[in-house]
Structures are given as C-alpha cells and as structure tokens.
Amino acid sequence: MRRYLVIVEGRVQGVGMRGFCMLQAQQRGLTGYAKNLNNGMVEIQIQGEETKIDEFLVTVRKGNQFIRVDDMSVKSIPVVENEKRFGYGY
C-alpha cells in the first residue's frame, strides 16, 4: 500500500479533471481525493496498490479531449489508514 501527493499543471480546472480522477481511481479500487488549487493546478492524493497507482497516473497524464496535462509532480507521502473511497477535496 502506497500513497502519493500529485500536483497537476495545465488545462486542469473547469474541464472535469476531478470527476475524471474519481472515475479512474474507482475503476482501480484506489482511495484519496482530487481538489482544485487557487493557482490553477489540481492536487491529487492517491492511495492503493503500486501497480494500480501507476496505471492511474499514466491515464491522468494522458488526460482526455478536455484535459491537457503539461506537468505532473509525484511525491510519496504517508498512508492514511482506513480510508474508504476517492472523493473531492475542498
């Protein structure tokens, strides 16, 4: 079990990024959250199996027809025990 703090830059607000992240996380059984930051970036905390997180990160980096990721930083952080779902952070 691992947890990462991910900061995503690009066209990532107002384009459904948080919902996209939630769907991708739920499909892989991952927990955490995605939230918009005041600087136009999105913060994601993602937790689960390493291979599933890797798949999630590849998919998020690709984005979709609305989302454009220009840069993404990933940092390992402590696991949150008993976290049950992926949601929106505020």
PDB file of N, CA and C in Angstrom:
ATOM      1  N   MET A   1       0.851  -1.184   0.000  1.00  0.00           N
ATOM      2  CA  MET A   1       0.000   0.000   0.000  1.00  0.00           C
ATOM      3  C   MET A   1       0.888   1.236   0.000  1.00  0.00           C
ATOM      4  N   ARG A   2       0.611   2.138  -0.935  1.00  0.00           N
ATOM      5  CA  ARG A   2       1.374   3.382  -1.063  1.00  0.00           C
ATOM      6  C   ARG A   2       0.399   4.550  -1.169  1.00  0.00           C
ATOM      7  N   ARG A   3       0.922   5.753  -0.913  1.00  0.00           N
ATOM      8  CA  ARG A   3       0.136   6.978  -1.087  1.00  0.00           C
ATOM      9  C   ARG A   3       1.046   8.037  -1.684  1.00  0.00           C
ATOM     10  N   TYR A   4       0.495   8.792  -2.626  1.00  0.00           N
ATOM     11  CA  TYR A   4       1.261   9.833  -3.294  1.00  0.00           C
ATOM     12  C   TYR A   4       0.482  11.138  -3.321  1.00  0.00           C
ATOM     13  N   LEU A   5       1.234  12.223  -3.229  1.00  0.00           N
ATOM     14  CA  LEU A   5       0.720  13.567  -3.470  1.00  0.00           C
ATOM     15  C   LEU A   5       1.117  13.922  -4.896  1.00  0.00           C
ATOM     16  N   VAL A   6       0.129  14.261  -5.707  1.00  0.00           N
ATOM     17  CA  VAL A   6       0.354  14.566  -7.120  1.00  0.00           C
ATOM     18  C   VAL A   6      -0.152  15.982  -7.383  1.00  0.00           C
ATOM     19  N   ILE A   7       0.690  16.811  -7.982  1.00  0.00           N
ATOM     20  CA  ILE A   7       0.293  18.162  -8.393  1.00  0.00           C
ATOM     21  C   ILE A   7       0.305  18.191  -9.917  1.00  0.00           C
ATOM     22  N   VAL A   8      -0.838  18.571 -10.490  1.00  0.00           N
ATOM     23  CA  VAL A   8      -1.009  18.537 -11.939  1.00  0.00           C
ATOM     24  C   VAL A   8      -1.180  19.958 -12.458  1.00  0.00           C
ATOM     25  N   GLU A   9      -0.391  20.299 -13.483  1.00  0.00           N
ATOM     26  CA  GLU A   9      -0.456  21.616 -14.126  1.00  0.00           C
ATOM     27  C   GLU A   9      -0.942  21.461 -15.555  1.00  0.00           C
ATOM     28  N   GLY A  10      -1.564  22.501 -16.080  1.00  0.00           N
ATOM     29  CA  GLY A  10      -2.039  22.515 -17.460  1.00  0.00           C
ATOM     30  C   GLY A  10      -3.466  23.027 -17.506  1.00  0.00           C
ATOM     31  N   ARG A  11      -4.230  22.537 -18.482  1.00  0.00           N
ATOM     32  CA  ARG A  11      -5.659  22.860 -18.541  1.00  0.00           C
ATOM     33  C   ARG A  11      -6.375  21.789 -17.717  1.00  0.00           C
ATOM     34  N   VAL A  12      -6.448  22.042 -16.404  1.00  0.00           N
ATOM     35  CA  VAL A  12      -6.920  21.013 -15.476  1.00  0.00           C
ATOM     36  C   VAL A  12      -8.071  21.484 -14.583  1.00  0.00           C
ATOM     37  N   GLN A  13      -8.484  22.731 -14.706  1.00  0.00           N
ATOM     38  CA  GLN A  13      -9.639  23.211 -13.941  1.00  0.00           C
ATOM     39  C   GLN A  13     -10.740  23.636 -14.899  1.00  0.00           C
ATOM     40  N   GLY A  14     -11.980  23.352 -14.521  1.00  0.00           N
ATOM     41  CA  GLY A  14     -13.121  23.697 -15.361  1.00  0.00           C
ATOM     42  C   GLY A  14     -13.300  22.769 -16.542  1.00  0.00           C
ATOM     43  N   VAL A  15     -12.630  21.616 -16.506  1.00  0.00           N
ATOM     44  CA  VAL A  15     -12.682  20.665 -17.620  1.00  0.00           C
ATOM     45  C   VAL A  15     -13.037  19.250 -17.153  1.00  0.00           C
ATOM     46  N   GLY A  16     -13.494  19.100 -15.913  1.00  0.00           N
ATOM     47  CA  GLY A  16     -13.889  17.789 -15.405  1.00  0.00           C
ATOM     48  C   GLY A  16     -12.763  16.931 -14.876  1.00  0.00           C
ATOM     49  N   MET A  17     -11.648  17.549 -14.520  1.00  0.00           N
ATOM     50  CA  MET A  17     -10.477  16.791 -14.059  1.00  0.00           C
ATOM     51  C   MET A  17     -10.765  15.992 -12.793  1.00  0.00           C
ATOM     52  N   ARG A  18     -11.424  16.601 -11.816  1.00  0.00           N
ATOM     53  CA  ARG A  18     -11.673  15.895 -10.553  1.00  0.00           C
ATOM     54  C   ARG A  18     -12.586  14.688 -10.768  1.00  0.00           C
ATOM     55  N   GLY A  19     -13.617  14.850 -11.571  1.00  0.00           N
ATOM     56  CA  GLY A  19     -14.503  13.726 -11.885  1.00  0.00           C
ATOM     57  C   GLY A  19     -13.781  12.638 -12.657  1.00  0.00           C
ATOM     58  N   PHE A  20     -12.922  13.041 -13.583  1.00  0.00           N
ATOM     59  CA  PHE A  20     -12.110  12.093 -14.349  1.00  0.00           C
ATOM     60  C   PHE A  20     -11.219  11.296 -13.405  1.00  0.00           C
ATOM     61  N   CYS A  21     -10.584  11.981 -12.461  1.00  0.00           N
ATOM     62  CA  CYS A  21      -9.722  11.305 -11.481  1.00  0.00           C
ATOM     63  C   CYS A  21     -10.527  10.342 -10.619  1.00  0.00           C
ATOM     64  N   MET A  22     -11.715  10.779 -10.194  1.00  0.00           N
ATOM     65  CA  MET A  22     -12.553   9.920  -9.359  1.00  0.00           C
ATOM     66  C   MET A  22     -12.918   8.640 -10.102  1.00  0.00           C
ATOM     67  N   LEU A  23     -13.336   8.762 -11.336  1.00  0.00           N
ATOM     68  CA  LEU A  23     -13.704   7.595 -12.137  1.00  0.00           C
ATOM     69  C   LEU A  23     -12.520   6.647 -12.300  1.00  0.00           C
ATOM     70  N   GLN A  24     -11.355   7.201 -12.655  1.00  0.00           N
ATOM     71  CA  GLN A  24     -10.163   6.368 -12.855  1.00  0.00           C
ATOM     72  C   GLN A  24      -9.744   5.676 -11.556  1.00  0.00           C
ATOM     73  N   ALA A  25      -9.845   6.383 -10.434  1.00  0.00           N
ATOM     74  CA  ALA A  25      -9.486   5.802  -9.133  1.00  0.00           C
ATOM     75  C   ALA A  25     -10.470   4.703  -8.750  1.00  0.00           C
ATOM     76  N   GLN A  26     -11.763   4.958  -8.907  1.00  0.00           N
ATOM     77  CA  GLN A  26     -12.772   3.968  -8.541  1.00  0.00           C
ATOM     78  C   GLN A  26     -12.634   2.705  -9.377  1.00  0.00           C
ATOM     79  N   GLN A  27     -12.324   2.846 -10.649  1.00  0.00           N
ATOM     80  CA  GLN A  27     -12.152   1.682 -11.523  1.00  0.00           C
ATOM     81  C   GLN A  27     -10.987   0.806 -11.088  1.00  0.00           C
ATOM     82  N   ARG A  28     -10.049   1.381 -10.352  1.00  0.00           N
ATOM     83  CA  ARG A  28      -8.854   0.649  -9.920  1.00  0.00           C
ATOM     84  C   ARG A  28      -8.850   0.336  -8.422  1.00  0.00           C
ATOM     85  N   GLY A  29      -9.919   0.679  -7.722  1.00  0.00           N
ATOM     86  CA  GLY A  29     -10.006   0.416  -6.292  1.00  0.00           C
ATOM     87  C   GLY A  29      -9.078   1.273  -5.450  1.00  0.00           C
ATOM     88  N   LEU A  30      -8.797   2.491  -5.911  1.00  0.00           N
ATOM     89  CA  LEU A  30      -7.902   3.406  -5.204  1.00  0.00           C
ATOM     90  C   LEU A  30      -8.703   4.395  -4.364  1.00  0.00           C
ATOM     91  N   THR A  31      -8.067   4.938  -3.335  1.00  0.00           N
ATOM     92  CA  THR A  31      -8.703   5.937  -2.479  1.00  0.00           C
ATOM     93  C   THR A  31      -7.905   7.234  -2.525  1.00  0.00           C
ATOM     94  N   GLY A  32      -8.483   8.295  -1.952  1.00  0.00           N
ATOM     95  CA  GLY A  32      -7.809   9.588  -1.903  1.00  0.00           C
ATOM     96  C   GLY A  32      -8.764  10.695  -2.272  1.00  0.00           C
ATOM     97  N   TYR A  33      -8.241  11.725  -2.931  1.00  0.00           N
ATOM     98  CA  TYR A  33      -9.083  12.846  -3.348  1.00  0.00           C
ATOM     99  C   TYR A  33      -8.383  13.650  -4.432  1.00  0.00           C
ATOM    100  N   ALA A  34      -9.169  14.485  -5.113  1.00  0.00           N
ATOM    101  CA  ALA A  34      -8.651  15.482  -6.055  1.00  0.00           C
ATOM    102  C   ALA A  34      -9.295  16.812  -5.697  1.00  0.00           C
ATOM    103  N   LYS A  35      -8.496  17.880  -5.685  1.00  0.00           N
ATOM    104  CA  LYS A  35      -9.063  19.203  -5.403  1.00  0.00           C
ATOM    105  C   LYS A  35      -8.373  20.268  -6.234  1.00  0.00           C
ATOM    106  N   ASN A  36      -9.149  21.295  -6.572  1.00  0.00           N
ATOM    107  CA  ASN A  36      -8.611  22.447  -7.283  1.00  0.00           C
ATOM    108  C   ASN A  36      -7.822  23.316  -6.321  1.00  0.00           C
ATOM    109  N   LEU A  37      -6.704  23.842  -6.802  1.00  0.00           N
ATOM    110  CA  LEU A  37      -5.900  24.779  -6.026  1.00  0.00           C
ATOM    111  C   LEU A  37      -6.126  26.195  -6.550  1.00  0.00           C
ATOM    112  N   ASN A  38      -5.872  27.177  -5.728  1.00  0.00           N
ATOM    113  CA  ASN A  38      -6.077  28.580  -6.116  1.00  0.00           C
ATOM    114  C   ASN A  38      -5.179  29.023  -7.261  1.00  0.00           C
ATOM    115  N   ASN A  39      -4.060  28.330  -7.486  1.00  0.00           N
ATOM    116  CA  ASN A  39      -3.113  28.709  -8.536  1.00  0.00           C
ATOM    117  C   ASN A  39      -3.437  28.086  -9.890  1.00  0.00           C
ATOM    118  N   GLY A  40      -4.595  27.430 -10.018  1.00  0.00           N
ATOM    119  CA  GLY A  40      -4.997  26.837 -11.289  1.00  0.00           C
ATOM    120  C   GLY A  40      -4.582  25.396 -11.461  1.00  0.00           C
ATOM    121  N   MET A  41      -3.852  24.854 -10.513  1.00  0.00           N
ATOM    122  CA  MET A  41      -3.423  23.459 -10.567  1.00  0.00           C
ATOM    123  C   MET A  41      -4.428  22.579  -9.829  1.00  0.00           C
ATOM    124  N   VAL A  42      -4.251  21.270  -9.946  1.00  0.00           N
ATOM    125  CA  VAL A  42      -5.066  20.304  -9.213  1.00  0.00           C
ATOM    126  C   VAL A  42      -4.150  19.469  -8.338  1.00  0.00           C
ATOM    127  N   GLU A  43      -4.561  19.297  -7.088  1.00  0.00           N
ATOM    128  CA  GLU A  43      -3.852  18.419  -6.147  1.00  0.00           C
ATOM    129  C   GLU A  43      -4.611  17.103  -6.054  1.00  0.00           C
ATOM    130  N   ILE A  44      -3.863  16.007  -6.171  1.00  0.00           N
ATOM    131  CA  ILE A  44      -4.437  14.669  -6.031  1.00  0.00           C
ATOM    132  C   ILE A  44      -3.661  13.946  -4.947  1.00  0.00           C
ATOM    133  N   GLN A  45      -4.371  13.284  -4.051  1.00  0.00           N
ATOM    134  CA  GLN A  45      -3.740  12.309  -3.174  1.00  0.00           C
ATOM    135  C   GLN A  45      -4.343  10.971  -3.556  1.00  0.00           C
ATOM    136  N   ILE A  46      -3.480  10.009  -3.858  1.00  0.00           N
ATOM    137  CA  ILE A  46      -3.919   8.714  -4.359  1.00  0.00           C
ATOM    138  C   ILE A  46      -3.262   7.609  -3.548  1.00  0.00           C
ATOM    139  N   GLN A  47      -4.060   6.606  -3.171  1.00  0.00           N
ATOM    140  CA  GLN A  47      -3.570   5.543  -2.291  1.00  0.00           C
ATOM    141  C   GLN A  47      -4.070   4.191  -2.775  1.00  0.00           C
ATOM    142  N   GLY A  48      -3.189   3.188  -2.698  1.00  0.00           N
ATOM    143  CA  GLY A  48      -3.569   1.828  -3.069  1.00  0.00           C
ATOM    144  C   GLY A  48      -2.360   1.029  -3.487  1.00  0.00           C
ATOM    145  N   GLU A  49      -2.623  -0.015  -4.283  1.00  0.00           N
ATOM    146  CA  GLU A  49      -1.551  -0.868  -4.785  1.00  0.00           C
ATOM    147  C   GLU A  49      -0.703  -0.100  -5.797  1.00  0.00           C
ATOM    148  N   GLU A  50       0.598  -0.314  -5.723  1.00  0.00           N
ATOM    149  CA  GLU A  50       1.553   0.408  -6.580  1.00  0.00           C
ATOM    150  C   GLU A  50       1.210   0.277  -8.066  1.00  0.00           C
ATOM    151  N   THR A  51       0.908  -0.944  -8.529  1.00  0.00           N
ATOM    152  CA  THR A  51       0.630  -1.140  -9.958  1.00  0.00           C
ATOM    153  C   THR A  51      -0.630  -0.392 -10.386  1.00  0.00           C
ATOM    154  N   LYS A  52      -1.633  -0.359  -9.525  1.00  0.00           N
ATOM    155  CA  LYS A  52      -2.876   0.354  -9.839  1.00  0.00           C
ATOM    156  C   LYS A  52      -2.643   1.867  -9.846  1.00  0.00           C
ATOM    157  N   ILE A  53      -1.810   2.344  -8.928  1.00  0.00           N
ATOM    158  CA  ILE A  53      -1.468   3.773  -8.913  1.00  0.00           C
ATOM    159  C   ILE A  53      -0.710   4.139 -10.184  1.00  0.00           C
ATOM    160  N   ASP A  54       0.220   3.290 -10.604  1.00  0.00           N
ATOM    161  CA  ASP A  54       0.958   3.548 -11.844  1.00  0.00           C
ATOM    162  C   ASP A  54       0.003   3.676 -13.027  1.00  0.00           C
ATOM    163  N   GLU A  55      -0.976   2.768 -13.128  1.00  0.00           N
ATOM    164  CA  GLU A  55      -1.976   2.828 -14.201  1.00  0.00           C
ATOM    165  C   GLU A  55      -2.760   4.141 -14.125  1.00  0.00           C
ATOM    166  N   PHE A  56      -3.170   4.502 -12.916  1.00  0.00           N
ATOM    167  CA  PHE A  56      -3.915   5.743 -12.693  1.00  0.00           C
ATOM    168  C   PHE A  56      -3.114   6.944 -13.180  1.00  0.00           C
ATOM    169  N   LEU A  57      -1.844   7.011 -12.796  1.00  0.00           N
ATOM    170  CA  LEU A  57      -1.006   8.160 -13.156  1.00  0.00           C
ATOM    171  C   LEU A  57      -0.795   8.257 -14.664  1.00  0.00           C
ATOM    172  N   VAL A  58      -0.610   7.125 -15.329  1.00  0.00           N
ATOM    173  CA  VAL A  58      -0.456   7.128 -16.791  1.00  0.00           C
ATOM    174  C   VAL A  58      -1.726   7.679 -17.441  1.00  0.00           C
ATOM    175  N   THR A  59      -2.880   7.232 -16.965  1.00  0.00           N
ATOM    176  CA  THR A  59      -4.156   7.676 -17.527  1.00  0.00           C
ATOM    177  C   THR A  59      -4.394   9.160 -17.272  1.00  0.00           C
ATOM    178  N   VAL A  60      -4.095   9.620 -16.064  1.00  0.00           N
ATOM    179  CA  VAL A  60      -4.278  11.040 -15.738  1.00  0.00           C
ATOM    180  C   VAL A  60      -3.347  11.902 -16.584  1.00  0.00           C
ATOM    181  N   ARG A  61      -2.104  11.462 -16.765  1.00  0.00           N
ATOM    182  CA  ARG A  61      -1.152  12.235 -17.575  1.00  0.00           C
ATOM    183  C   ARG A  61      -1.655  12.379 -19.014  1.00  0.00           C
ATOM    184  N   LYS A  62      -2.290  11.341 -19.549  1.00  0.00           N
ATOM    185  CA  LYS A  62      -2.833  11.398 -20.913  1.00  0.00           C
ATOM    186  C   LYS A  62      -4.021  12.341 -21.000  1.00  0.00           C
ATOM    187  N   GLY A  63      -4.811  12.430 -19.906  1.00  0.00           N
ATOM    188  CA  GLY A  63      -5.991  13.280 -19.909  1.00  0.00           C
ATOM    189  C   GLY A  63      -7.056  12.758 -20.858  1.00  0.00           C
ATOM    190  N   ASN A  64      -7.860  13.685 -21.383  1.00  0.00           N
ATOM    191  CA  ASN A  64      -8.874  13.343 -22.380  1.00  0.00           C
ATOM    192  C   ASN A  64      -9.005  14.523 -23.341  1.00  0.00           C
ATOM    193  N   GLN A  65     -10.114  14.583 -24.080  1.00  0.00           N
ATOM    194  CA  GLN A  65     -10.236  15.646 -25.079  1.00  0.00           C
ATOM    195  C   GLN A  65     -10.345  17.037 -24.457  1.00  0.00           C
ATOM    196  N   PHE A  66     -10.664  17.126 -23.163  1.00  0.00           N
ATOM    197  CA  PHE A  66     -10.795  18.418 -22.494  1.00  0.00           C
ATOM    198  C   PHE A  66      -9.594  18.744 -21.609  1.00  0.00           C
ATOM    199  N   ILE A  67      -9.025  17.714 -21.002  1.00  0.00           N
ATOM    200  CA  ILE A  67      -7.927  17.873 -20.041  1.00  0.00           C
ATOM    201  C   ILE A  67      -6.595  17.848 -20.779  1.00  0.00           C
ATOM    202  N   ARG A  68      -5.714  18.807 -20.451  1.00  0.00           N
ATOM    203  CA  ARG A  68      -4.355  18.803 -21.001  1.00  0.00           C
ATOM    204  C   ARG A  68      -3.377  18.941 -19.837  1.00  0.00           C
ATOM    205  N   VAL A  69      -2.580  17.904 -19.622  1.00  0.00           N
ATOM    206  CA  VAL A  69      -1.590  17.919 -18.545  1.00  0.00           C
ATOM    207  C   VAL A  69      -0.253  18.357 -19.122  1.00  0.00           C
ATOM    208  N   ASP A  70       0.280  19.472 -18.608  1.00  0.00           N
ATOM    209  CA  ASP A  70       1.581  19.971 -19.042  1.00  0.00           C
ATOM    210  C   ASP A  70       2.706  19.472 -18.144  1.00  0.00           C
ATOM    211  N   ASP A  71       2.412  19.312 -16.864  1.00  0.00           N
ATOM    212  CA  ASP A  71       3.431  18.840 -15.913  1.00  0.00           C
ATOM    213  C   ASP A  71       2.723  18.157 -14.753  1.00  0.00           C
ATOM    214  N   MET A  72       3.404  17.168 -14.176  1.00  0.00           N
ATOM    215  CA  MET A  72       2.834  16.431 -13.060  1.00  0.00           C
ATOM    216  C   MET A  72       3.965  16.040 -12.125  1.00  0.00           C
ATOM    217  N   SER A  73       3.891  16.483 -10.862  1.00  0.00           N
ATOM    218  CA  SER A  73       4.891  16.085  -9.871  1.00  0.00           C
ATOM    219  C   SER A  73       4.259  15.055  -8.940  1.00  0.00           C
ATOM    220  N   VAL A  74       5.057  14.067  -8.545  1.00  0.00           N
ATOM    221  CA  VAL A  74       4.574  12.963  -7.715  1.00  0.00           C
ATOM    222  C   VAL A  74       5.529  12.789  -6.547  1.00  0.00           C
ATOM    223  N   LYS A  75       4.974  12.794  -5.335  1.00  0.00           N
ATOM    224  CA  LYS A  75       5.782  12.666  -4.122  1.00  0.00           C
ATOM    225  C   LYS A  75       5.138  11.640  -3.195  1.00  0.00           C
ATOM    226  N   SER A  76       5.928  10.707  -2.690  1.00  0.00           N
ATOM    227  CA  SER A  76       5.436   9.709  -1.744  1.00  0.00           C
ATOM    228  C   SER A  76       5.129  10.375  -0.404  1.00  0.00           C
ATOM    229  N   ILE A  77       3.970  10.051   0.163  1.00  0.00           N
ATOM    230  CA  ILE A  77       3.562  10.580   1.470  1.00  0.00           C
ATOM    231  C   ILE A  77       3.026   9.421   2.312  1.00  0.00           C
ATOM    232  N   PRO A  78       2.839   9.637   3.630  1.00  0.00           N
ATOM    233  CA  PRO A  78       2.358   8.553   4.494  1.00  0.00           C
ATOM    234  C   PRO A  78       0.946   8.075   4.129  1.00  0.00           C
ATOM    235  N   VAL A  79       0.734   6.779   4.274  1.00  0.00           N
ATOM    236  CA  VAL A  79      -0.568   6.157   4.030  1.00  0.00           C
ATOM    237  C   VAL A  79      -1.569   6.654   5.068  1.00  0.00           C
ATOM    238  N   VAL A  80      -2.815   6.846   4.636  1.00  0.00           N
ATOM    239  CA  VAL A  80      -3.915   7.196   5.535  1.00  0.00           C
ATOM    240  C   VAL A  80      -4.673   5.906   5.839  1.00  0.00           C
ATOM    241  N   GLU A  81      -4.626   5.473   7.081  1.00  0.00           N
ATOM    242  CA  GLU A  81      -5.290   4.230   7.477  1.00  0.00           C
ATOM    243  C   GLU A  81      -6.810   4.366   7.400  1.00  0.00           C
ATOM    244  N   ASN A  82      -7.461   3.290   7.013  1.00  0.00           N
ATOM    245  CA  ASN A  82      -8.927   3.173   7.000  1.00  0.00           C
ATOM    246  C   ASN A  82      -9.633   4.125   6.041  1.00  0.00           C
ATOM    247  N   GLU A  83      -8.919   4.644   5.048  1.00  0.00           N
ATOM    248  CA  GLU A  83      -9.578   5.477   4.037  1.00  0.00           C
ATOM    249  C   GLU A  83     -10.410   4.556   3.155  1.00  0.00           C
ATOM    250  N   LYS A  84     -11.643   4.937   2.870  1.00  0.00           N
ATOM    251  CA  LYS A  84     -12.587   4.038   2.197  1.00  0.00           C
ATOM    252  C   LYS A  84     -12.879   4.370   0.736  1.00  0.00           C
ATOM    253  N   ARG A  85     -12.661   5.623   0.326  1.00  0.00           N
ATOM    254  CA  ARG A  85     -13.101   5.987  -1.027  1.00  0.00           C
ATOM    255  C   ARG A  85     -12.246   7.112  -1.593  1.00  0.00           C
ATOM    256  N   PHE A  86     -12.503   7.424  -2.848  1.00  0.00           N
ATOM    257  CA  PHE A  86     -11.897   8.574  -3.512  1.00  0.00           C
ATOM    258  C   PHE A  86     -12.974   9.642  -3.618  1.00  0.00           C
ATOM    259  N   GLY A  87     -12.642  10.871  -3.273  1.00  0.00           N
ATOM    260  CA  GLY A  87     -13.627  11.948  -3.321  1.00  0.00           C
ATOM    261  C   GLY A  87     -13.019  13.257  -3.772  1.00  0.00           C
ATOM    262  N   TYR A  88     -13.800  14.305  -3.612  1.00  0.00           N
ATOM    263  CA  TYR A  88     -13.340  15.656  -3.925  1.00  0.00           C
ATOM    264  C   TYR A  88     -12.819  16.296  -2.656  1.00  0.00           C
ATOM    265  N   GLY A  89     -11.642  16.902  -2.725  1.00  0.00           N
ATOM    266  CA  GLY A  89     -11.122  17.680  -1.608  1.00  0.00           C
ATOM    267  C   GLY A  89     -11.551  19.126  -1.762  1.00  0.00           C
ATOM    268  N   TYR A  90     -11.638  19.840  -0.666  1.00  0.00           N
ATOM    269  CA  TYR A  90     -12.036  21.256  -0.703  1.00  0.00           C
ATOM    270  C   TYR A  90     -11.115  22.079   0.146  1.00  0.00           C
TER     271      TYR A  90
END
